[in-house]
C-alpha atoms as a PDB file:
ATOM      1  CA  UNK A   1     166.871 -85.641  19.778  1.00  0.00           C
ATOM      2  CA  UNK A   2     164.868 -84.893  16.794  1.00  0.00           C
ATOM      3  CA  UNK A   3     166.333 -83.292  13.813  1.00  0.00           C
ATOM      4  CA  UNK A   4     164.672 -80.752  11.443  1.00  0.00           C
ATOM      5  CA  UNK A   5     165.137 -80.874   7.816  1.00  0.00           C
ATOM      6  CA  UNK A   6     166.311 -77.670   6.011  1.00  0.00           C
ATOM      7  CA  UNK A   7     165.304 -77.173   2.486  1.00  0.00           C
ATOM      8  CA  UNK A   8     166.475 -74.643   0.164  1.00  0.00           C
ATOM      9  CA  UNK A   9     163.147 -73.536  -1.035  1.00  0.00           C
ATOM     10  CA  UNK A  10     159.767 -73.147   0.411  1.00  0.00           C
ATOM     11  CA  UNK A  11     157.064 -75.797  -0.255  1.00  0.00           C
ATOM     12  CA  UNK A  12     155.133 -73.437  -2.566  1.00  0.00           C
ATOM     13  CA  UNK A  13     158.113 -72.812  -4.652  1.00  0.00           C
ATOM     14  CA  UNK A  14     158.930 -76.656  -4.881  1.00  0.00           C
ATOM     15  CA  UNK A  15     155.416 -77.270  -6.216  1.00  0.00           C
ATOM     16  CA  UNK A  16     155.775 -74.715  -8.923  1.00  0.00           C
ATOM     17  CA  UNK A  17     159.290 -76.159  -9.803  1.00  0.00           C
ATOM     18  CA  UNK A  18     157.832 -79.733 -10.113  1.00  0.00           C
ATOM     19  CA  UNK A  19     155.047 -78.526 -12.391  1.00  0.00           C
ATOM     20  CA  UNK A  20     157.442 -76.536 -14.556  1.00  0.00           C
ATOM     21  CA  UNK A  21     159.667 -79.553 -14.852  1.00  0.00           C
ATOM     22  CA  UNK A  22     156.719 -81.648 -15.957  1.00  0.00           C
ATOM     23  CA  UNK A  23     155.854 -78.906 -18.588  1.00  0.00           C
ATOM     24  CA  UNK A  24     159.323 -78.234 -19.783  1.00  0.00           C
ATOM     25  CA  UNK A  25     160.798 -81.689 -19.545  1.00  0.00           C
ATOM     26  CA  UNK A  26     163.314 -81.049 -22.377  1.00  0.00           C
ATOM     27  CA  UNK A  27     164.877 -78.063 -20.496  1.00  0.00           C
ATOM     28  CA  UNK A  28     167.679 -78.513 -18.068  1.00  0.00           C
ATOM     29  CA  UNK A  29     166.480 -78.337 -14.381  1.00  0.00           C
ATOM     30  CA  UNK A  30     168.809 -75.527 -13.418  1.00  0.00           C
ATOM     31  CA  UNK A  31     167.259 -73.290 -16.232  1.00  0.00           C
ATOM     32  CA  UNK A  32     163.789 -74.287 -15.036  1.00  0.00           C
ATOM     33  CA  UNK A  33     164.439 -73.430 -11.496  1.00  0.00           C
ATOM     34  CA  UNK A  34     166.035 -70.132 -12.565  1.00  0.00           C
ATOM     35  CA  UNK A  35     162.911 -69.130 -14.406  1.00  0.00           C
ATOM     36  CA  UNK A  36     160.613 -70.269 -11.595  1.00  0.00           C
ATOM     37  CA  UNK A  37     162.541 -68.252  -8.968  1.00  0.00           C
ATOM     38  CA  UNK A  38     162.731 -65.243 -11.361  1.00  0.00           C
ATOM     39  CA  UNK A  39     158.887 -65.420 -12.006  1.00  0.00           C
ATOM     40  CA  UNK A  40     158.184 -65.699  -8.301  1.00  0.00           C
ATOM     41  CA  UNK A  41     160.388 -63.096  -7.053  1.00  0.00           C
ATOM     42  CA  UNK A  42     158.109 -60.095  -7.770  1.00  0.00           C
ATOM     43  CA  UNK A  43     155.327 -61.934  -5.994  1.00  0.00           C
ATOM     44  CA  UNK A  44     157.053 -63.370  -2.974  1.00  0.00           C
ATOM     45  CA  UNK A  45     160.005 -60.985  -2.514  1.00  0.00           C
ATOM     46  CA  UNK A  46     163.246 -62.126  -1.371  1.00  0.00           C
ATOM     47  CA  UNK A  47     162.140 -63.193   2.015  1.00  0.00           C
ATOM     48  CA  UNK A  48     159.558 -65.478   0.532  1.00  0.00           C
ATOM     49  CA  UNK A  49     162.039 -67.423  -1.492  1.00  0.00           C
ATOM     50  CA  UNK A  50     164.453 -67.938   1.386  1.00  0.00           C
ATOM     51  CA  UNK A  51     162.257 -69.267   4.065  1.00  0.00           C
END
């Protein structure tokens, strides 16, 4: 039986999060994640962030 991984965020959002972590290495990752999600919410909507 094969299992599927469930991730909390879509791949696109994870890419933006990693890029933001590189750019803002001196900021806590929780704050960077919050800012990335807030910035993408108008573009992706709630459905796009919870895939």
